[in-house]
């Protein structure tokens, strides 16, 4: 009978590493989902048009409306100032030859200062809008990624490609509509929760006012 105790050291080391490798393989096999081990099941692929999703998602529309509402008043104010500058410049052009040299220099200096200030305000607004759009896009992309992940898991899809990753695909592989439907459902759920929370807050405020009155 073969005795392990009498085996050469090199054979013991070889046997040890073989056993260790077998244990590692068993551990890896246990971590792989069952359907991945079933080679009889075909891989499932799908495609999604991200440009369409980012444009038509209700969250995208809501973010656009929010940004427009946030910056509309400042844009109108800048438009009013731009019109003031135009009128002041036209008035200076008509009166230029009637002014003294000192008055002409003074008016030119005032117009340049007004123009520089207006340009600075317009650039500041443009930068704020850009930053807000980037943040809104990041939020939207996170929600879209979550919706796509939900579709992939629910439909047992292995890989979902975006439009820039493939040349052509059949309509039955396109999950764009499904992703938009998922986003619509998430949007409506969020709206309902927000309305419920706002209603509860208003009810608490009424109760506090009633208690204070008593």
Foldseek 3Di string as FASTA:
>chain_A
DDDPVPDDPVVVVVVVVVVVVVVVVVVVVVPDDPVVVPPVDDAFEFEEAVVCCCVPAPLNVVLVVVLCVVCVVVVVVLVVLVVVLVVLVVVCVVCVVVDDPVVNVVSVVVSVVSVVVSVVSVVVSVVVSVVSVVVSVVVSVVLLVVLVVVVCVVVVHDYYYYPVVDDDDDPVRYCHVVSSVSSVVVVVVVVVVVVVVVVVVVVVVVVVVVVVVD
